[in-house]
Amino acid sequence: MPFCPRCRIEYRPGFTHCSDCGVALVAELPEEHAESVPEGRVVKLAVFPTVAEAAMLKEVLEEHHIPAFVRGQTDPIGIVSGAEQVAVLVDERDAERAMKIYQSYFGHSEEAEESAAES
């Protein structure tokens, strides 16, 4: 069975490319390393005032097979200390797809903002 080397999804025979990632499928998956650092450059996707919000985005991205990392300074109860913010980072090769997912879960449409302004 072929596999996607990036998102690790298994495909039926006959498929040659991942429908999500667009990369060529492989016959075997390489060994998985815990919390491995992405091969590409890491970029900031979004910033949040709390760790909980950043962790929520990280979880959503990972459900879509996009590795994500949370970076920032917090106090023991998860509130960001000082002027620091908690950032969610992704591999630059996943940034465009990650941004679409982020906006679909957390973004606001212009119509919704206009409705709120009129109320």
N, C-alpha and C. Protein backbone atom coordinates (compact mmCIF):
# COMPACT_ATOMS: atom_id res chain seq x y z
N MET A 1 0.84 -1.18 0.00
CA MET A 1 0.00 0.00 0.00
C MET A 1 0.89 1.25 0.00
N PRO A 2 0.57 2.25 -0.80
CA PRO A 2 1.34 3.50 -0.78
C PRO A 2 0.95 4.40 0.39
N PHE A 3 1.91 5.20 0.83
CA PHE A 3 1.72 6.12 1.94
C PHE A 3 2.22 7.51 1.55
N CYS A 4 1.64 8.53 2.17
CA CYS A 4 2.16 9.89 2.02
C CYS A 4 3.28 10.07 3.05
N PRO A 5 4.49 10.43 2.61
CA PRO A 5 5.59 10.60 3.55
C PRO A 5 5.43 11.83 4.45
N ARG A 6 4.59 12.77 4.07
CA ARG A 6 4.41 13.98 4.85
C ARG A 6 3.31 13.83 5.90
N CYS A 7 2.09 13.46 5.48
CA CYS A 7 0.98 13.37 6.44
C CYS A 7 0.73 11.93 6.92
N ARG A 8 1.44 10.96 6.32
CA ARG A 8 1.46 9.57 6.77
C ARG A 8 0.13 8.83 6.54
N ILE A 9 -0.70 9.31 5.62
CA ILE A 9 -1.96 8.64 5.31
C ILE A 9 -1.71 7.51 4.33
N GLU A 10 -2.40 6.40 4.54
CA GLU A 10 -2.27 5.24 3.67
C GLU A 10 -3.29 5.35 2.53
N TYR A 11 -2.87 5.02 1.31
CA TYR A 11 -3.74 5.08 0.13
C TYR A 11 -3.94 3.69 -0.46
N ARG A 12 -5.01 3.57 -1.23
CA ARG A 12 -5.24 2.31 -1.95
C ARG A 12 -4.25 2.21 -3.11
N PRO A 13 -3.96 0.98 -3.55
CA PRO A 13 -3.05 0.83 -4.70
C PRO A 13 -3.59 1.60 -5.91
N GLY A 14 -2.67 2.14 -6.70
CA GLY A 14 -3.04 2.90 -7.88
C GLY A 14 -2.89 4.39 -7.70
N PHE A 15 -2.92 4.87 -6.46
CA PHE A 15 -2.71 6.29 -6.20
C PHE A 15 -1.22 6.58 -6.22
N THR A 16 -0.85 7.76 -6.76
CA THR A 16 0.57 8.11 -6.85
C THR A 16 0.93 9.37 -6.08
N HIS A 17 -0.08 10.22 -5.77
CA HIS A 17 0.17 11.47 -5.05
C HIS A 17 -0.87 11.66 -3.95
N CYS A 18 -0.46 12.31 -2.86
CA CYS A 18 -1.35 12.60 -1.74
C CYS A 18 -2.34 13.68 -2.17
N SER A 19 -3.61 13.45 -1.92
CA SER A 19 -4.63 14.43 -2.30
C SER A 19 -4.60 15.66 -1.40
N ASP A 20 -4.04 15.56 -0.18
CA ASP A 20 -3.94 16.71 0.73
C ASP A 20 -2.65 17.48 0.53
N CYS A 21 -1.53 16.76 0.48
CA CYS A 21 -0.21 17.41 0.44
C CYS A 21 0.32 17.63 -0.97
N GLY A 22 -0.11 16.79 -1.92
CA GLY A 22 0.36 16.90 -3.29
C GLY A 22 1.72 16.25 -3.53
N VAL A 23 2.28 15.58 -2.51
CA VAL A 23 3.59 14.95 -2.67
C VAL A 23 3.44 13.52 -3.18
N ALA A 24 4.50 13.00 -3.80
CA ALA A 24 4.49 11.64 -4.32
C ALA A 24 4.43 10.64 -3.17
N LEU A 25 3.64 9.59 -3.36
CA LEU A 25 3.51 8.56 -2.33
C LEU A 25 4.71 7.63 -2.35
N VAL A 26 4.98 6.98 -1.21
CA VAL A 26 6.09 6.04 -1.08
C VAL A 26 5.55 4.68 -0.66
N ALA A 27 6.34 3.62 -0.91
CA ALA A 27 5.91 2.27 -0.56
C ALA A 27 5.94 2.02 0.95
N GLU A 28 6.91 2.64 1.65
CA GLU A 28 7.05 2.47 3.10
C GLU A 28 7.27 3.82 3.75
N LEU A 29 6.76 3.96 4.96
CA LEU A 29 6.99 5.19 5.71
C LEU A 29 8.30 5.12 6.46
N PRO A 30 9.02 6.24 6.52
CA PRO A 30 10.23 6.26 7.34
C PRO A 30 9.83 6.19 8.81
N GLU A 31 10.78 5.81 9.67
CA GLU A 31 10.50 5.75 11.10
C GLU A 31 10.08 7.11 11.59
N GLU A 32 9.09 7.14 12.48
CA GLU A 32 8.59 8.40 13.02
C GLU A 32 9.37 8.76 14.27
N HIS A 33 9.80 10.02 14.33
CA HIS A 33 10.53 10.51 15.49
C HIS A 33 9.61 11.39 16.31
N ALA A 34 9.63 11.26 17.60
CA ALA A 34 8.79 12.08 18.47
C ALA A 34 9.21 13.54 18.38
N GLU A 35 8.21 14.43 18.15
CA GLU A 35 8.44 15.88 18.10
C GLU A 35 9.64 16.26 17.24
N SER A 36 9.72 15.69 16.04
CA SER A 36 10.84 16.02 15.17
C SER A 36 10.70 17.44 14.63
N VAL A 37 11.80 18.08 14.41
CA VAL A 37 11.83 19.43 13.87
C VAL A 37 11.61 19.34 12.36
N PRO A 38 10.76 20.19 11.80
CA PRO A 38 10.51 20.13 10.37
C PRO A 38 11.78 20.40 9.57
N GLU A 39 11.83 19.86 8.35
CA GLU A 39 13.00 20.03 7.49
C GLU A 39 13.11 21.44 6.95
N GLY A 40 12.00 22.09 6.69
CA GLY A 40 12.01 23.43 6.12
C GLY A 40 12.16 24.49 7.19
N ARG A 41 12.05 25.73 6.77
CA ARG A 41 12.14 26.86 7.69
C ARG A 41 10.83 26.99 8.45
N VAL A 42 10.91 27.29 9.74
CA VAL A 42 9.72 27.45 10.58
C VAL A 42 9.28 28.90 10.53
N VAL A 43 7.95 29.12 10.35
CA VAL A 43 7.40 30.48 10.28
C VAL A 43 6.27 30.62 11.30
N LYS A 44 6.05 31.87 11.73
CA LYS A 44 4.98 32.16 12.69
C LYS A 44 3.65 32.21 11.93
N LEU A 45 2.69 31.41 12.39
CA LEU A 45 1.37 31.39 11.77
C LEU A 45 0.44 32.38 12.46
N ALA A 46 0.43 32.37 13.80
CA ALA A 46 -0.48 33.23 14.56
C ALA A 46 0.05 33.42 15.97
N VAL A 47 -0.41 34.47 16.63
CA VAL A 47 -0.07 34.71 18.03
C VAL A 47 -1.35 34.79 18.85
N PHE A 48 -1.24 34.41 20.12
CA PHE A 48 -2.39 34.36 21.01
C PHE A 48 -2.03 34.92 22.38
N PRO A 49 -3.03 35.41 23.11
CA PRO A 49 -2.75 35.92 24.45
C PRO A 49 -2.63 34.82 25.51
N THR A 50 -3.10 33.61 25.21
CA THR A 50 -3.01 32.51 26.18
C THR A 50 -2.49 31.24 25.53
N VAL A 51 -1.91 30.38 26.34
CA VAL A 51 -1.41 29.09 25.87
C VAL A 51 -2.57 28.21 25.40
N ALA A 52 -3.70 28.28 26.08
CA ALA A 52 -4.85 27.45 25.73
C ALA A 52 -5.30 27.68 24.30
N GLU A 53 -5.36 28.94 23.88
CA GLU A 53 -5.77 29.26 22.51
C GLU A 53 -4.75 28.74 21.50
N ALA A 54 -3.47 28.91 21.80
CA ALA A 54 -2.42 28.42 20.92
C ALA A 54 -2.46 26.90 20.82
N ALA A 55 -2.68 26.23 21.95
CA ALA A 55 -2.74 24.77 21.97
C ALA A 55 -3.94 24.27 21.16
N MET A 56 -5.03 25.03 21.18
CA MET A 56 -6.22 24.64 20.41
C MET A 56 -5.90 24.66 18.91
N LEU A 57 -5.23 25.72 18.45
CA LEU A 57 -4.85 25.79 17.03
C LEU A 57 -3.88 24.67 16.69
N LYS A 58 -2.92 24.42 17.55
CA LYS A 58 -1.94 23.34 17.32
C LYS A 58 -2.66 22.01 17.14
N GLU A 59 -3.64 21.75 17.99
CA GLU A 59 -4.40 20.50 17.90
C GLU A 59 -5.17 20.40 16.59
N VAL A 60 -5.82 21.50 16.19
CA VAL A 60 -6.58 21.51 14.93
C VAL A 60 -5.65 21.25 13.75
N LEU A 61 -4.49 21.91 13.73
CA LEU A 61 -3.55 21.72 12.63
C LEU A 61 -3.06 20.28 12.59
N GLU A 62 -2.74 19.71 13.73
CA GLU A 62 -2.25 18.33 13.76
C GLU A 62 -3.32 17.33 13.34
N GLU A 63 -4.61 17.65 13.59
CA GLU A 63 -5.70 16.81 13.08
C GLU A 63 -5.72 16.81 11.56
N HIS A 64 -5.19 17.87 10.96
CA HIS A 64 -5.10 18.00 9.50
C HIS A 64 -3.70 17.62 9.00
N HIS A 65 -2.94 16.93 9.84
CA HIS A 65 -1.61 16.41 9.50
C HIS A 65 -0.60 17.51 9.18
N ILE A 66 -0.71 18.62 9.91
CA ILE A 66 0.27 19.70 9.79
C ILE A 66 0.98 19.81 11.13
N PRO A 67 2.26 19.46 11.18
CA PRO A 67 3.00 19.61 12.44
C PRO A 67 3.05 21.09 12.86
N ALA A 68 2.81 21.34 14.13
CA ALA A 68 2.82 22.71 14.64
C ALA A 68 3.51 22.73 16.00
N PHE A 69 4.05 23.88 16.36
CA PHE A 69 4.79 24.05 17.60
C PHE A 69 4.30 25.32 18.28
N VAL A 70 4.28 25.32 19.61
CA VAL A 70 3.88 26.49 20.38
C VAL A 70 5.11 27.05 21.06
N ARG A 71 5.29 28.38 20.96
CA ARG A 71 6.45 29.02 21.59
C ARG A 71 5.99 30.29 22.30
N GLY A 72 6.48 30.50 23.53
CA GLY A 72 6.16 31.72 24.28
C GLY A 72 6.39 31.53 25.76
N GLN A 73 6.46 32.63 26.48
CA GLN A 73 6.68 32.61 27.92
C GLN A 73 5.34 32.68 28.64
N THR A 74 5.14 31.81 29.63
CA THR A 74 3.89 31.81 30.38
C THR A 74 4.17 31.65 31.87
N ASP A 75 3.18 32.04 32.67
CA ASP A 75 3.30 31.78 34.09
C ASP A 75 2.74 30.38 34.36
N PRO A 76 2.77 29.90 35.61
CA PRO A 76 2.35 28.53 35.90
C PRO A 76 0.90 28.19 35.55
N ILE A 77 0.02 29.19 35.44
CA ILE A 77 -1.37 28.86 35.10
C ILE A 77 -1.70 29.11 33.63
N GLY A 78 -0.69 29.39 32.83
CA GLY A 78 -0.89 29.48 31.39
C GLY A 78 -1.18 30.86 30.85
N ILE A 79 -1.06 31.89 31.68
CA ILE A 79 -1.27 33.26 31.20
C ILE A 79 0.08 33.79 30.70
N VAL A 80 0.05 34.44 29.58
CA VAL A 80 1.28 34.97 29.00
C VAL A 80 1.80 36.10 29.89
N SER A 81 3.09 36.05 30.19
CA SER A 81 3.67 37.05 31.08
C SER A 81 4.20 38.25 30.31
N GLY A 82 3.99 39.43 30.88
CA GLY A 82 4.51 40.65 30.27
C GLY A 82 3.90 40.93 28.91
N ALA A 83 4.71 41.47 28.03
CA ALA A 83 4.25 41.83 26.68
C ALA A 83 4.41 40.67 25.71
N GLU A 84 4.90 39.54 26.19
CA GLU A 84 5.11 38.37 25.33
C GLU A 84 3.76 37.82 24.84
N GLN A 85 3.79 37.15 23.75
CA GLN A 85 2.62 36.43 23.25
C GLN A 85 3.04 35.02 22.92
N VAL A 86 2.08 34.13 22.89
CA VAL A 86 2.34 32.75 22.54
C VAL A 86 2.14 32.61 21.03
N ALA A 87 3.13 32.06 20.35
CA ALA A 87 3.08 31.92 18.90
C ALA A 87 2.92 30.47 18.50
N VAL A 88 2.17 30.25 17.43
CA VAL A 88 2.06 28.92 16.81
C VAL A 88 2.93 28.97 15.56
N LEU A 89 3.86 28.03 15.47
CA LEU A 89 4.80 27.97 14.35
C LEU A 89 4.53 26.74 13.50
N VAL A 90 4.75 26.87 12.19
CA VAL A 90 4.60 25.75 11.26
C VAL A 90 5.74 25.79 10.26
N ASP A 91 5.96 24.68 9.59
CA ASP A 91 6.93 24.60 8.50
C ASP A 91 6.43 25.53 7.39
N GLU A 92 7.33 26.31 6.79
CA GLU A 92 6.92 27.26 5.75
C GLU A 92 6.21 26.56 4.59
N ARG A 93 6.53 25.29 4.34
CA ARG A 93 5.87 24.56 3.24
C ARG A 93 4.42 24.27 3.56
N ASP A 94 4.04 24.29 4.84
CA ASP A 94 2.66 24.05 5.26
C ASP A 94 1.91 25.35 5.55
N ALA A 95 2.59 26.48 5.47
CA ALA A 95 2.03 27.75 5.93
C ALA A 95 0.73 28.14 5.22
N GLU A 96 0.67 28.01 3.91
CA GLU A 96 -0.52 28.43 3.19
C GLU A 96 -1.73 27.58 3.58
N ARG A 97 -1.55 26.27 3.61
CA ARG A 97 -2.65 25.38 4.00
C ARG A 97 -3.02 25.58 5.46
N ALA A 98 -2.02 25.80 6.32
CA ALA A 98 -2.28 26.03 7.74
C ALA A 98 -3.07 27.32 7.94
N MET A 99 -2.75 28.37 7.17
CA MET A 99 -3.46 29.63 7.30
C MET A 99 -4.92 29.47 6.89
N LYS A 100 -5.20 28.70 5.85
CA LYS A 100 -6.58 28.46 5.43
C LYS A 100 -7.35 27.75 6.53
N ILE A 101 -6.72 26.77 7.15
CA ILE A 101 -7.37 26.03 8.25
C ILE A 101 -7.58 26.97 9.43
N TYR A 102 -6.57 27.75 9.78
CA TYR A 102 -6.68 28.71 10.88
C TYR A 102 -7.83 29.67 10.65
N GLN A 103 -7.92 30.23 9.45
CA GLN A 103 -8.98 31.18 9.14
C GLN A 103 -10.36 30.52 9.15
N SER A 104 -10.44 29.28 8.70
CA SER A 104 -11.74 28.61 8.67
C SER A 104 -12.24 28.29 10.08
N TYR A 105 -11.34 28.05 11.02
CA TYR A 105 -11.73 27.75 12.39
C TYR A 105 -11.83 28.99 13.27
N PHE A 106 -10.92 29.94 13.09
CA PHE A 106 -10.80 31.06 14.01
C PHE A 106 -11.04 32.42 13.37
N GLY A 107 -11.09 32.49 12.04
CA GLY A 107 -11.23 33.76 11.35
C GLY A 107 -12.66 34.27 11.38
N HIS A 108 -12.80 35.53 11.05
CA HIS A 108 -14.11 36.16 10.98
C HIS A 108 -14.33 36.61 9.55
N SER A 109 -15.51 36.32 9.03
CA SER A 109 -15.82 36.80 7.68
C SER A 109 -16.14 38.28 7.74
N GLU A 110 -15.98 38.97 6.63
CA GLU A 110 -16.29 40.40 6.59
C GLU A 110 -17.77 40.63 6.86
N GLU A 111 -18.66 39.73 6.39
CA GLU A 111 -20.09 39.86 6.63
C GLU A 111 -20.39 39.82 8.12
N ALA A 112 -19.76 38.88 8.84
CA ALA A 112 -19.99 38.76 10.28
C ALA A 112 -19.51 40.01 11.00
N GLU A 113 -18.37 40.58 10.59
CA GLU A 113 -17.86 41.80 11.21
C GLU A 113 -18.79 42.98 10.93
N GLU A 114 -19.31 43.07 9.70
CA GLU A 114 -20.23 44.16 9.36
C GLU A 114 -21.52 44.04 10.15
N SER A 115 -22.03 42.80 10.33
CA SER A 115 -23.26 42.59 11.10
C SER A 115 -23.07 43.02 12.55
N ALA A 116 -21.92 42.67 13.11
CA ALA A 116 -21.64 43.02 14.50
C ALA A 116 -21.52 44.54 14.65
N ALA A 117 -20.94 45.20 13.66
CA ALA A 117 -20.79 46.65 13.71
C ALA A 117 -22.13 47.37 13.63
N GLU A 118 -23.09 46.78 12.88
CA GLU A 118 -24.41 47.38 12.71
C GLU A 118 -25.27 47.20 13.94
N SER A 119 -25.00 46.16 14.75
CA SER A 119 -25.83 45.86 15.93
C SER A 119 -25.62 46.81 17.06
